[in-house]
PDB file of N, CA and C in Angstrom:
ATOM      1  N   UNK A   1     110.565 107.888  92.814  1.00  0.00           N
ATOM      2  CA  UNK A   1     111.762 107.585  93.555  1.00  0.00           C
ATOM      3  C   UNK A   1     111.500 107.225  94.560  1.00  0.00           C
ATOM      4  N   UNK A   2     111.110 107.548  95.631  1.00  0.00           N
ATOM      5  CA  UNK A   2     110.953 107.245  97.055  1.00  0.00           C
ATOM      6  C   UNK A   2     110.620 105.858  97.555  1.00  0.00           C
ATOM      7  N   UNK A   3     110.010 105.558  96.374  1.00  0.00           N
ATOM      8  CA  UNK A   3     109.405 104.092  96.639  1.00  0.00           C
ATOM      9  C   UNK A   3     110.483 102.906  96.085  1.00  0.00           C
ATOM     10  N   UNK A   4     111.433 103.260  95.598  1.00  0.00           N
ATOM     11  CA  UNK A   4     112.003 102.520  95.078  1.00  0.00           C
ATOM     12  C   UNK A   4     111.637 101.395  93.988  1.00  0.00           C
ATOM     13  N   UNK A   5     112.170 100.447  93.480  1.00  0.00           N
ATOM     14  CA  UNK A   5     111.650  99.658  92.176  1.00  0.00           C
ATOM     15  C   UNK A   5     110.740  98.585  93.063  1.00  0.00           C
ATOM     16  N   UNK A   6     111.069  97.926  94.064  1.00  0.00           N
ATOM     17  CA  UNK A   6     109.962  97.439  94.819  1.00  0.00           C
ATOM     18  C   UNK A   6     108.874  97.521  95.172  1.00  0.00           C
ATOM     19  N   UNK A   7     108.914  98.957  95.725  1.00  0.00           N
ATOM     20  CA  UNK A   7     107.360  99.876  95.721  1.00  0.00           C
ATOM     21  C   UNK A   7     106.905  99.694  95.013  1.00  0.00           C
ATOM     22  N   UNK A   8     107.483 100.212  93.557  1.00  0.00           N
ATOM     23  CA  UNK A   8     106.459 100.577  92.227  1.00  0.00           C
ATOM     24  C   UNK A   8     106.127  99.093  91.808  1.00  0.00           C
ATOM     25  N   UNK A   9     106.344  97.593  91.790  1.00  0.00           N
ATOM     26  CA  UNK A   9     106.141  96.744  91.558  1.00  0.00           C
ATOM     27  C   UNK A   9     104.988  96.035  91.969  1.00  0.00           C
ATOM     28  N   UNK A  10     105.070  96.507  93.658  1.00  0.00           N
ATOM     29  CA  UNK A  10     103.893  96.435  94.047  1.00  0.00           C
ATOM     30  C   UNK A  10     102.591  96.763  93.998  1.00  0.00           C
ATOM     31  N   UNK A  11     103.067  97.917  93.592  1.00  0.00           N
ATOM     32  CA  UNK A  11     101.626  98.914  93.557  1.00  0.00           C
ATOM     33  C   UNK A  11     101.158  98.425  92.149  1.00  0.00           C
ATOM     34  N   UNK A  12     102.035  98.409  90.866  1.00  0.00           N
ATOM     35  CA  UNK A  12     101.543  97.770  89.747  1.00  0.00           C
ATOM     36  C   UNK A  12     100.780  96.650  89.819  1.00  0.00           C
ATOM     37  N   UNK A  13     101.641  95.668  90.823  1.00  0.00           N
ATOM     38  CA  UNK A  13     100.839  94.186  91.058  1.00  0.00           C
ATOM     39  C   UNK A  13      99.293  94.566  91.606  1.00  0.00           C
ATOM     40  N   UNK A  14      99.122  95.104  92.542  1.00  0.00           N
ATOM     41  CA  UNK A  14      97.336  95.130  93.127  1.00  0.00           C
ATOM     42  C   UNK A  14      96.978  96.512  92.700  1.00  0.00           C
ATOM     43  N   UNK A  15      97.513  97.191  91.619  1.00  0.00           N
ATOM     44  CA  UNK A  15      96.263  97.982  91.135  1.00  0.00           C
ATOM     45  C   UNK A  15      95.353  97.536  89.958  1.00  0.00           C
ATOM     46  N   UNK A  16      95.515  96.260  89.714  1.00  0.00           N
ATOM     47  CA  UNK A  16      94.546  95.379  89.404  1.00  0.00           C
ATOM     48  C   UNK A  16      93.181  95.522  89.827  1.00  0.00           C
ATOM     49  N   UNK A  17      93.365  95.300  91.194  1.00  0.00           N
ATOM     50  CA  UNK A  17      92.639  94.974  91.675  1.00  0.00           C
ATOM     51  C   UNK A  17      91.270  96.440  92.131  1.00  0.00           C
ATOM     52  N   UNK A  18      92.157  97.395  91.782  1.00  0.00           N
ATOM     53  CA  UNK A  18      91.062  98.834  91.867  1.00  0.00           C
ATOM     54  C   UNK A  18      90.478  98.716  90.389  1.00  0.00           C
ATOM     55  N   UNK A  19      90.627  98.250  89.620  1.00  0.00           N
ATOM     56  CA  UNK A  19      89.821  98.085  88.354  1.00  0.00           C
ATOM     57  C   UNK A  19      88.826  97.622  88.362  1.00  0.00           C
ATOM     58  N   UNK A  20      88.558  96.318  89.324  1.00  0.00           N
ATOM     59  CA  UNK A  20      87.941  95.696  89.618  1.00  0.00           C
ATOM     60  C   UNK A  20      86.929  95.962  90.191  1.00  0.00           C
ATOM     61  N   UNK A  21      87.450  96.780  91.557  1.00  0.00           N
ATOM     62  CA  UNK A  21      86.599  97.453  92.744  1.00  0.00           C
ATOM     63  C   UNK A  21      85.764  98.483  91.778  1.00  0.00           C
ATOM     64  N   UNK A  22      86.633  99.382  91.147  1.00  0.00           N
ATOM     65  CA  UNK A  22      85.907 100.341  90.337  1.00  0.00           C
ATOM     66  C   UNK A  22      85.070  99.817  89.382  1.00  0.00           C
ATOM     67  N   UNK A  23      84.846  98.729  88.700  1.00  0.00           N
ATOM     68  CA  UNK A  23      83.292  97.906  88.371  1.00  0.00           C
ATOM     69  C   UNK A  23      82.602  97.944  89.593  1.00  0.00           C
ATOM     70  N   UNK A  24      82.896  97.211  90.655  1.00  0.00           N
ATOM     71  CA  UNK A  24      81.792  96.413  91.371  1.00  0.00           C
ATOM     72  C   UNK A  24      81.482  97.411  91.887  1.00  0.00           C
ATOM     73  N   UNK A  25      81.574  98.962  92.151  1.00  0.00           N
ATOM     74  CA  UNK A  25      81.277  99.820  93.311  1.00  0.00           C
ATOM     75  C   UNK A  25      79.949 100.354  92.306  1.00  0.00           C
ATOM     76  N   UNK A  26      80.490 100.745  91.000  1.00  0.00           N
ATOM     77  CA  UNK A  26      79.912 100.980  89.684  1.00  0.00           C
ATOM     78  C   UNK A  26      78.278 100.539  89.661  1.00  0.00           C
ATOM     79  N   UNK A  27      78.578  98.824  89.669  1.00  0.00           N
ATOM     80  CA  UNK A  27      77.580  98.187  89.209  1.00  0.00           C
ATOM     81  C   UNK A  27      76.435  98.149  90.936  1.00  0.00           C
ATOM     82  N   UNK A  28      77.135  98.324  92.099  1.00  0.00           N
ATOM     83  CA  UNK A  28      76.118  98.731  93.475  1.00  0.00           C
ATOM     84  C   UNK A  28      75.579  99.411  93.417  1.00  0.00           C
ATOM     85  N   UNK A  29      76.406 100.678  93.241  1.00  0.00           N
ATOM     86  CA  UNK A  29      75.957 102.101  93.529  1.00  0.00           C
ATOM     87  C   UNK A  29      74.529 102.514  91.957  1.00  0.00           C
ATOM     88  N   UNK A  30      74.510 101.823  90.886  1.00  0.00           N
ATOM     89  CA  UNK A  30      73.439 101.460  90.000  1.00  0.00           C
ATOM     90  C   UNK A  30      72.203 101.114  90.647  1.00  0.00           C
ATOM     91  N   UNK A  31      72.433  99.959  90.918  1.00  0.00           N
ATOM     92  CA  UNK A  31      71.479  99.003  91.506  1.00  0.00           C
ATOM     93  C   UNK A  31      70.810  99.877  92.970  1.00  0.00           C
ATOM     94  N   UNK A  32      71.708 100.321  93.593  1.00  0.00           N
ATOM     95  CA  UNK A  32      71.169 100.966  94.806  1.00  0.00           C
ATOM     96  C   UNK A  32      70.364 102.407  94.287  1.00  0.00           C
ATOM     97  N   UNK A  33      70.708 102.690  93.250  1.00  0.00           N
ATOM     98  CA  UNK A  33      69.615 103.997  92.745  1.00  0.00           C
ATOM     99  C   UNK A  33      68.585 103.590  92.205  1.00  0.00           C
ATOM    100  N   UNK A  34      68.593 102.657  91.676  1.00  0.00           N
ATOM    101  CA  UNK A  34      67.321 101.625  91.045  1.00  0.00           C
ATOM    102  C   UNK A  34      66.640 101.064  91.756  1.00  0.00           C
ATOM    103  N   UNK A  35      67.081 100.869  93.000  1.00  0.00           N
ATOM    104  CA  UNK A  35      66.084 100.331  94.060  1.00  0.00           C
ATOM    105  C   UNK A  35      65.053 101.352  94.800  1.00  0.00           C
ATOM    106  N   UNK A  36      65.856 102.442  95.137  1.00  0.00           N
ATOM    107  CA  UNK A  36      64.995 103.416  95.853  1.00  0.00           C
ATOM    108  C   UNK A  36      64.410 104.409  94.420  1.00  0.00           C
ATOM    109  N   UNK A  37      64.540 104.078  93.209  1.00  0.00           N
ATOM    110  CA  UNK A  37      64.043 104.754  92.499  1.00  0.00           C
ATOM    111  C   UNK A  37      62.848 103.723  91.168  1.00  0.00           C
ATOM    112  N   UNK A  38      62.582 102.661  91.932  1.00  0.00           N
ATOM    113  CA  UNK A  38      61.831 101.507  91.266  1.00  0.00           C
ATOM    114  C   UNK A  38      60.452 102.066  91.099  1.00  0.00           C
ATOM    115  N   UNK A  39      59.672 102.266  91.820  1.00  0.00           N
ATOM    116  CA  UNK A  39      58.598 102.797  91.972  1.00  0.00           C
ATOM    117  C   UNK A  39      58.409 104.447  91.032  1.00  0.00           C
ATOM    118  N   UNK A  40      59.114 104.897  91.178  1.00  0.00           N
ATOM    119  CA  UNK A  40      59.198 106.082  91.004  1.00  0.00           C
ATOM    120  C   UNK A  40      59.184 106.442  88.917  1.00  0.00           C
ATOM    121  N   UNK A  41      58.823 107.444  88.343  1.00  0.00           N
ATOM    122  CA  UNK A  41      58.960 107.555  87.029  1.00  0.00           C
ATOM    123  C   UNK A  41      59.640 109.202  87.077  1.00  0.00           C
ATOM    124  N   UNK A  42      60.742 108.971  87.040  1.00  0.00           N
ATOM    125  CA  UNK A  42      61.144 110.812  86.959  1.00  0.00           C
ATOM    126  C   UNK A  42      62.166 111.250  86.501  1.00  0.00           C
ATOM    127  N   UNK A  43      62.773 111.800  86.791  1.00  0.00           N
ATOM    128  CA  UNK A  43      64.140 112.768  86.492  1.00  0.00           C
ATOM    129  C   UNK A  43      65.433 111.719  86.828  1.00  0.00           C
ATOM    130  N   UNK A  44      65.132 111.025  87.894  1.00  0.00           N
ATOM    131  CA  UNK A  44      66.271 109.850  88.087  1.00  0.00           C
ATOM    132  C   UNK A  44      66.945 109.345  87.017  1.00  0.00           C
ATOM    133  N   UNK A  45      65.721 108.881  86.396  1.00  0.00           N
ATOM    134  CA  UNK A  45      66.530 107.910  85.452  1.00  0.00           C
ATOM    135  C   UNK A  45      66.929 108.286  84.577  1.00  0.00           C
ATOM    136  N   UNK A  46      67.708 109.607  84.223  1.00  0.00           N
ATOM    137  CA  UNK A  46      68.440 109.729  83.613  1.00  0.00           C
ATOM    138  C   UNK A  46      70.253 110.385  84.490  1.00  0.00           C
ATOM    139  N   UNK A  47      69.784 110.065  85.623  1.00  0.00           N
ATOM    140  CA  UNK A  47      70.857 109.466  86.904  1.00  0.00           C
ATOM    141  C   UNK A  47      71.815 108.239  86.671  1.00  0.00           C
ATOM    142  N   UNK A  48      70.983 107.486  86.068  1.00  0.00           N
ATOM    143  CA  UNK A  48      71.773 106.075  86.466  1.00  0.00           C
ATOM    144  C   UNK A  48      72.804 105.884  85.649  1.00  0.00           C
ATOM    145  N   UNK A  49      73.305 106.542  84.436  1.00  0.00           N
ATOM    146  CA  UNK A  49      74.900 106.849  83.902  1.00  0.00           C
ATOM    147  C   UNK A  49      75.714 107.226  85.096  1.00  0.00           C
ATOM    148  N   UNK A  50      75.384 108.112  86.154  1.00  0.00           N
ATOM    149  CA  UNK A  50      75.944 108.755  87.193  1.00  0.00           C
ATOM    150  C   UNK A  50      77.416 107.638  87.879  1.00  0.00           C
ATOM    151  N   UNK A  51      76.546 106.552  88.075  1.00  0.00           N
ATOM    152  CA  UNK A  51      77.910 105.427  88.581  1.00  0.00           C
ATOM    153  C   UNK A  51      78.634 104.919  87.777  1.00  0.00           C
ATOM    154  N   UNK A  52      78.374 104.624  86.519  1.00  0.00           N
ATOM    155  CA  UNK A  52      79.264 104.753  85.343  1.00  0.00           C
ATOM    156  C   UNK A  52      80.151 105.295  85.320  1.00  0.00           C
ATOM    157  N   UNK A  53      80.008 106.765  85.257  1.00  0.00           N
ATOM    158  CA  UNK A  53      80.523 107.903  85.133  1.00  0.00           C
ATOM    159  C   UNK A  53      81.628 107.834  86.130  1.00  0.00           C
ATOM    160  N   UNK A  54      81.515 107.691  87.490  1.00  0.00           N
ATOM    161  CA  UNK A  54      82.376 107.907  88.773  1.00  0.00           C
ATOM    162  C   UNK A  54      83.368 106.591  88.442  1.00  0.00           C
ATOM    163  N   UNK A  55      82.760 104.975  87.889  1.00  0.00           N
ATOM    164  CA  UNK A  55      83.673 104.745  87.844  1.00  0.00           C
ATOM    165  C   UNK A  55      84.503 104.225  86.569  1.00  0.00           C
ATOM    166  N   UNK A  56      84.367 104.786  85.234  1.00  0.00           N
ATOM    167  CA  UNK A  56      84.956 105.298  84.125  1.00  0.00           C
ATOM    168  C   UNK A  56      86.568 105.885  84.664  1.00  0.00           C
ATOM    169  N   UNK A  57      85.951 107.360  85.532  1.00  0.00           N
ATOM    170  CA  UNK A  57      86.595 107.958  85.754  1.00  0.00           C
ATOM    171  C   UNK A  57      87.995 107.784  86.721  1.00  0.00           C
ATOM    172  N   UNK A  58      87.163 107.002  87.530  1.00  0.00           N
ATOM    173  CA  UNK A  58      88.535 106.399  88.225  1.00  0.00           C
ATOM    174  C   UNK A  58      89.454 105.192  87.751  1.00  0.00           C
ATOM    175  N   UNK A  59      89.137 104.355  86.771  1.00  0.00           N
ATOM    176  CA  UNK A  59      89.160 103.652  85.751  1.00  0.00           C
ATOM    177  C   UNK A  59      90.591 104.729  84.584  1.00  0.00           C
ATOM    178  N   UNK A  60      89.950 105.664  84.433  1.00  0.00           N
ATOM    179  CA  UNK A  60      91.267 106.188  83.849  1.00  0.00           C
ATOM    180  C   UNK A  60      92.281 106.948  84.964  1.00  0.00           C
ATOM    181  N   UNK A  61      91.898 107.478  85.508  1.00  0.00           N
ATOM    182  CA  UNK A  61      92.639 107.715  87.048  1.00  0.00           C
ATOM    183  C   UNK A  61      93.760 106.796  87.566  1.00  0.00           C
ATOM    184  N   UNK A  62      93.393 105.603  87.810  1.00  0.00           N
ATOM    185  CA  UNK A  62      94.245 104.088  87.638  1.00  0.00           C
ATOM    186  C   UNK A  62      95.101 103.930  86.329  1.00  0.00           C
ATOM    187  N   UNK A  63      94.508 104.516  85.346  1.00  0.00           N
ATOM    188  CA  UNK A  63      95.270 103.987  84.163  1.00  0.00           C
ATOM    189  C   UNK A  63      96.763 105.471  83.893  1.00  0.00           C
ATOM    190  N   UNK A  64      96.092 106.521  84.585  1.00  0.00           N
ATOM    191  CA  UNK A  64      97.258 107.432  84.347  1.00  0.00           C
ATOM    192  C   UNK A  64      98.653 107.200  85.289  1.00  0.00           C
ATOM    193  N   UNK A  65      97.719 106.940  86.635  1.00  0.00           N
ATOM    194  CA  UNK A  65      98.487 106.879  87.703  1.00  0.00           C
ATOM    195  C   UNK A  65      99.668 105.426  87.619  1.00  0.00           C
ATOM    196  N   UNK A  66      99.251 104.256  87.022  1.00  0.00           N
ATOM    197  CA  UNK A  66     100.365 103.333  86.669  1.00  0.00           C
ATOM    198  C   UNK A  66     100.969 103.889  85.273  1.00  0.00           C
ATOM    199  N   UNK A  67     100.769 104.715  84.602  1.00  0.00           N
ATOM    200  CA  UNK A  67     101.523 104.971  83.828  1.00  0.00           C
ATOM    201  C   UNK A  67     102.661 106.246  83.942  1.00  0.00           C
ATOM    202  N   UNK A  68     101.826 106.790  85.409  1.00  0.00           N
ATOM    203  CA  UNK A  68     103.448 107.344  86.009  1.00  0.00           C
ATOM    204  C   UNK A  68     104.066 106.866  87.119  1.00  0.00           C
ATOM    205  N   UNK A  69     104.100 105.804  87.478  1.00  0.00           N
ATOM    206  CA  UNK A  69     104.336 105.030  88.108  1.00  0.00           C
ATOM    207  C   UNK A  69     105.414 104.309  87.283  1.00  0.00           C
ATOM    208  N   UNK A  70     104.697 103.424  86.397  1.00  0.00           N
ATOM    209  CA  UNK A  70     105.765 102.711  85.535  1.00  0.00           C
ATOM    210  C   UNK A  70     106.489 103.423  84.782  1.00  0.00           C
ATOM    211  N   UNK A  71     106.890 104.540  84.134  1.00  0.00           N
ATOM    212  CA  UNK A  71     107.197 105.204  83.438  1.00  0.00           C
ATOM    213  C   UNK A  71     106.834 105.312  81.858  1.00  0.00           C
ATOM    214  N   UNK A  72     105.518 105.201  81.910  1.00  0.00           N
ATOM    215  CA  UNK A  72     105.168 104.791  80.401  1.00  0.00           C
ATOM    216  C   UNK A  72     104.540 106.246  80.026  1.00  0.00           C
ATOM    217  N   UNK A  73     104.124 107.300  80.974  1.00  0.00           N
ATOM    218  CA  UNK A  73     103.475 108.470  80.693  1.00  0.00           C
ATOM    219  C   UNK A  73     104.760 109.647  81.241  1.00  0.00           C
ATOM    220  N   UNK A  74     105.260 110.491  80.380  1.00  0.00           N
ATOM    221  CA  UNK A  74     106.184 111.200  80.759  1.00  0.00           C
ATOM    222  C   UNK A  74     105.380 112.335  81.955  1.00  0.00           C
ATOM    223  N   UNK A  75     106.058 112.559  83.167  1.00  0.00           N
ATOM    224  CA  UNK A  75     105.361 113.552  84.247  1.00  0.00           C
ATOM    225  C   UNK A  75     105.769 115.225  83.377  1.00  0.00           C
ATOM    226  N   UNK A  76     105.003 115.842  83.100  1.00  0.00           N
ATOM    227  CA  UNK A  76     104.679 117.128  82.845  1.00  0.00           C
ATOM    228  C   UNK A  76     103.510 117.834  82.879  1.00  0.00           C
ATOM    229  N   UNK A  77     103.956 119.300  82.929  1.00  0.00           N
ATOM    230  CA  UNK A  77     102.062 120.370  83.174  1.00  0.00           C
ATOM    231  C   UNK A  77     101.020 119.546  82.750  1.00  0.00           C
ATOM    232  N   UNK A  78     100.971 119.036  81.468  1.00  0.00           N
ATOM    233  CA  UNK A  78      99.564 118.638  81.188  1.00  0.00           C
ATOM    234  C   UNK A  78      99.533 117.082  81.471  1.00  0.00           C
ATOM    235  N   UNK A  79     100.086 116.287  81.675  1.00  0.00           N
ATOM    236  CA  UNK A  79      99.768 114.629  82.595  1.00  0.00           C
ATOM    237  C   UNK A  79      99.629 115.239  83.904  1.00  0.00           C
ATOM    238  N   UNK A  80      99.936 115.839  84.381  1.00  0.00           N
ATOM    239  CA  UNK A  80      99.828 116.612  85.875  1.00  0.00           C
ATOM    240  C   UNK A  80      98.279 117.320  86.024  1.00  0.00           C
ATOM    241  N   UNK A  81      98.072 118.108  84.798  1.00  0.00           N
ATOM    242  CA  UNK A  81      96.646 118.947  84.958  1.00  0.00           C
ATOM    243  C   UNK A  81      95.906 117.555  84.805  1.00  0.00           C
ATOM    244  N   UNK A  82      96.043 116.752  83.988  1.00  0.00           N
ATOM    245  CA  UNK A  82      94.847 115.702  83.516  1.00  0.00           C
ATOM    246  C   UNK A  82      94.648 114.490  84.447  1.00  0.00           C
ATOM    247  N   UNK A  83      95.605 114.726  84.878  1.00  0.00           N
ATOM    248  CA  UNK A  83      95.100 113.719  85.958  1.00  0.00           C
ATOM    249  C   UNK A  83      94.302 114.563  87.372  1.00  0.00           C
ATOM    250  N   UNK A  84      94.901 115.907  87.623  1.00  0.00           N
ATOM    251  CA  UNK A  84      94.035 116.415  88.880  1.00  0.00           C
ATOM    252  C   UNK A  84      92.668 116.992  87.938  1.00  0.00           C
ATOM    253  N   UNK A  85      92.458 116.994  86.835  1.00  0.00           N
ATOM    254  CA  UNK A  85      90.764 117.195  86.628  1.00  0.00           C
ATOM    255  C   UNK A  85      90.040 116.228  86.424  1.00  0.00           C
ATOM    256  N   UNK A  86      90.847 114.847  86.027  1.00  0.00           N
ATOM    257  CA  UNK A  86      90.233 113.557  85.987  1.00  0.00           C
ATOM    258  C   UNK A  86      89.684 112.853  87.603  1.00  0.00           C
ATOM    259  N   UNK A  87      90.638 113.561  88.476  1.00  0.00           N
ATOM    260  CA  UNK A  87      90.219 113.263  90.059  1.00  0.00           C
ATOM    261  C   UNK A  87      89.080 114.066  90.418  1.00  0.00           C
ATOM    262  N   UNK A  88      89.591 115.332  89.828  1.00  0.00           N
ATOM    263  CA  UNK A  88      88.194 116.357  90.664  1.00  0.00           C
ATOM    264  C   UNK A  88      86.918 115.841  89.777  1.00  0.00           C
ATOM    265  N   UNK A  89      86.745 115.627  88.547  1.00  0.00           N
ATOM    266  CA  UNK A  89      85.616 115.205  87.933  1.00  0.00           C
ATOM    267  C   UNK A  89      85.134 114.212  88.500  1.00  0.00           C
ATOM    268  N   UNK A  90      85.707 113.176  88.976  1.00  0.00           N
ATOM    269  CA  UNK A  90      84.811 112.216  89.656  1.00  0.00           C
ATOM    270  C   UNK A  90      84.726 111.972  90.697  1.00  0.00           C
ATOM    271  N   UNK A  91      84.970 113.504  91.819  1.00  0.00           N
ATOM    272  CA  UNK A  91      84.535 113.259  93.251  1.00  0.00           C
ATOM    273  C   UNK A  91      83.604 114.579  92.771  1.00  0.00           C
ATOM    274  N   UNK A  92      83.512 115.395  91.605  1.00  0.00           N
ATOM    275  CA  UNK A  92      82.099 116.147  91.730  1.00  0.00           C
ATOM    276  C   UNK A  92      80.920 114.714  91.184  1.00  0.00           C
ATOM    277  N   UNK A  93      81.096 114.193  90.499  1.00  0.00           N
ATOM    278  CA  UNK A  93      80.572 112.623  90.306  1.00  0.00           C
ATOM    279  C   UNK A  93      80.245 112.512  90.950  1.00  0.00           C
ATOM    280  N   UNK A  94      80.590 111.939  92.338  1.00  0.00           N
ATOM    281  CA  UNK A  94      80.672 111.023  93.258  1.00  0.00           C
ATOM    282  C   UNK A  94      79.714 111.748  94.220  1.00  0.00           C
ATOM    283  N   UNK A  95      79.682 113.375  94.346  1.00  0.00           N
ATOM    284  CA  UNK A  95      78.820 114.406  95.506  1.00  0.00           C
ATOM    285  C   UNK A  95      77.640 114.542  94.441  1.00  0.00           C
ATOM    286  N   UNK A  96      77.735 114.339  93.430  1.00  0.00           N
ATOM    287  CA  UNK A  96      76.409 114.166  92.055  1.00  0.00           C
ATOM    288  C   UNK A  96      75.394 113.193  92.765  1.00  0.00           C
ATOM    289  N   UNK A  97      75.776 112.247  92.421  1.00  0.00           N
ATOM    290  CA  UNK A  97      75.466 110.831  92.358  1.00  0.00           C
ATOM    291  C   UNK A  97      74.664 110.916  94.088  1.00  0.00           C
ATOM    292  N   UNK A  98      75.603 110.868  94.948  1.00  0.00           N
ATOM    293  CA  UNK A  98      75.175 111.185  96.612  1.00  0.00           C
ATOM    294  C   UNK A  98      74.129 112.353  96.737  1.00  0.00           C
ATOM    295  N   UNK A  99      74.129 113.424  96.147  1.00  0.00           N
ATOM    296  CA  UNK A  99      73.117 114.240  95.962  1.00  0.00           C
ATOM    297  C   UNK A  99      71.648 113.661  95.445  1.00  0.00           C
ATOM    298  N   UNK A 100      71.641 113.071  94.599  1.00  0.00           N
ATOM    299  CA  UNK A 100      70.694 112.186  94.202  1.00  0.00           C
ATOM    300  C   UNK A 100      70.193 111.389  94.790  1.00  0.00           C
ATOM    301  N   UNK A 101      71.103 110.651  95.507  1.00  0.00           N
ATOM    302  CA  UNK A 101      70.705 109.302  96.367  1.00  0.00           C
ATOM    303  C   UNK A 101      69.865 110.045  97.393  1.00  0.00           C
ATOM    304  N   UNK A 102      70.563 110.970  98.045  1.00  0.00           N
ATOM    305  CA  UNK A 102      69.934 111.773  99.540  1.00  0.00           C
ATOM    306  C   UNK A 102      68.520 112.008  99.054  1.00  0.00           C
ATOM    307  N   UNK A 103      68.296 112.747  97.909  1.00  0.00           N
ATOM    308  CA  UNK A 103      66.944 112.800  97.618  1.00  0.00           C
ATOM    309  C   UNK A 103      65.697 112.016  97.570  1.00  0.00           C
ATOM    310  N   UNK A 104      66.610 110.766  96.985  1.00  0.00           N
ATOM    311  CA  UNK A 104      65.724 109.697  96.535  1.00  0.00           C
ATOM    312  C   UNK A 104      65.283 109.304  97.607  1.00  0.00           C
ATOM    313  N   UNK A 105      66.542 108.885  98.910  1.00  0.00           N
ATOM    314  CA  UNK A 105      66.014 108.453 100.389  1.00  0.00           C
ATOM    315  C   UNK A 105      65.330 109.143 100.932  1.00  0.00           C
ATOM    316  N   UNK A 106      65.136 110.352 101.049  1.00  0.00           N
ATOM    317  CA  UNK A 106      64.385 111.272 101.555  1.00  0.00           C
ATOM    318  C   UNK A 106      62.448 111.203 100.867  1.00  0.00           C
ATOM    319  N   UNK A 107      62.606 111.179  99.718  1.00  0.00           N
ATOM    320  CA  UNK A 107      61.515 110.841  99.412  1.00  0.00           C
ATOM    321  C   UNK A 107      60.885 109.378  99.363  1.00  0.00           C
ATOM    322  N   UNK A 108      61.905 108.677  99.283  1.00  0.00           N
ATOM    323  CA  UNK A 108      61.078 107.312  99.382  1.00  0.00           C
ATOM    324  C   UNK A 108      60.561 106.966 100.621  1.00  0.00           C
ATOM    325  N   UNK A 109      61.786 107.608 101.711  1.00  0.00           N
ATOM    326  CA  UNK A 109      61.126 107.398 103.091  1.00  0.00           C
ATOM    327  C   UNK A 109      59.802 108.386 103.605  1.00  0.00           C
ATOM    328  N   UNK A 110      59.778 109.776 103.103  1.00  0.00           N
ATOM    329  CA  UNK A 110      58.554 110.497 103.101  1.00  0.00           C
ATOM    330  C   UNK A 110      57.167 109.732 102.803  1.00  0.00           C
ATOM    331  N   UNK A 111      57.374 109.005 101.620  1.00  0.00           N
ATOM    332  CA  UNK A 111      56.375 108.502 101.165  1.00  0.00           C
ATOM    333  C   UNK A 111      56.148 106.903 101.968  1.00  0.00           C
ATOM    334  N   UNK A 112      57.048 106.398 102.442  1.00  0.00           N
ATOM    335  CA  UNK A 112      56.834 105.285 103.285  1.00  0.00           C
ATOM    336  C   UNK A 112      56.281 104.920 104.798  1.00  0.00           C
ATOM    337  N   UNK A 113      56.432 106.114 104.916  1.00  0.00           N
ATOM    338  CA  UNK A 113      56.667 106.564 106.516  1.00  0.00           C
ATOM    339  C   UNK A 113      55.393 106.868 106.928  1.00  0.00           C
ATOM    340  N   UNK A 114      54.777 106.433 107.845  1.00  0.00           N
ATOM    341  CA  UNK A 114      53.210 106.883 108.048  1.00  0.00           C
ATOM    342  C   UNK A 114      53.408 108.111 108.864  1.00  0.00           C
ATOM    343  N   UNK A 115      52.598 108.729 109.005  1.00  0.00           N
ATOM    344  CA  UNK A 115      52.684 110.208 109.556  1.00  0.00           C
ATOM    345  C   UNK A 115      52.596 109.614 111.403  1.00  0.00           C
ATOM    346  N   UNK A 116      52.978 109.781 112.115  1.00  0.00           N
ATOM    347  CA  UNK A 116      52.870 109.389 113.771  1.00  0.00           C
ATOM    348  C   UNK A 116      51.247 109.340 114.136  1.00  0.00           C
ATOM    349  N   UNK A 117      49.923 110.477 113.870  1.00  0.00           N
ATOM    350  CA  UNK A 117      48.891 110.377 114.069  1.00  0.00           C
ATOM    351  C   UNK A 117      48.640 109.272 113.638  1.00  0.00           C
ATOM    352  N   UNK A 118      48.395 108.725 112.746  1.00  0.00           N
ATOM    353  CA  UNK A 118      48.121 107.383 112.395  1.00  0.00           C
ATOM    354  C   UNK A 118      48.679 106.221 113.038  1.00  0.00           C
ATOM    355  N   UNK A 119      49.839 106.391 113.819  1.00  0.00           N
ATOM    356  CA  UNK A 119      50.034 105.275 114.565  1.00  0.00           C
ATOM    357  C   UNK A 119      49.518 105.073 115.793  1.00  0.00           C
ATOM    358  N   UNK A 120      49.303 106.032 115.829  1.00  0.00           N
ATOM    359  CA  UNK A 120      48.475 105.895 117.994  1.00  0.00           C
ATOM    360  C   UNK A 120      47.054 105.640 117.310  1.00  0.00           C
ATOM    361  N   UNK A 121      46.376 104.147 118.332  1.00  0.00           N
ATOM    362  CA  UNK A 121      45.483 103.943 118.210  1.00  0.00           C
ATOM    363  C   UNK A 121      44.113 104.918 118.758  1.00  0.00           C
ATOM    364  N   UNK A 122      43.519 105.285 118.365  1.00  0.00           N
ATOM    365  CA  UNK A 122      42.207 105.802 118.445  1.00  0.00           C
ATOM    366  C   UNK A 122      41.388 105.257 119.736  1.00  0.00           C
ATOM    367  N   UNK A 123      40.854 105.662 120.722  1.00  0.00           N
ATOM    368  CA  UNK A 123      40.349 104.846 121.771  1.00  0.00           C
ATOM    369  C   UNK A 123      39.020 105.617 122.092  1.00  0.00           C
TER     370      UNK A 123
END
């Protein structure tokens, strides 16, 4: 109600960009995970689905919000709770993704970086 009709139309007009953004960052995060895991066949292979889970949950969240703003969805306890659970699961997935990425980065740089003792030339 506080946005007015013009604000609702503007929201709905630009929400399409958020769909494209969700798709784009899903693929970016997927390839980032693949890059740091390219030489290691490990448990991380099963985590390749996480970026797409995050993107899918973001798309579901956007669809629910469009339904709320456009008046397509009836706002009640069920719809509000559904929206809250989708957002919660999206952020849990984001945290899980970055936890996996952090472990990969530590492993990646631990393997690639030589100890300082090897860098000092012996005279």
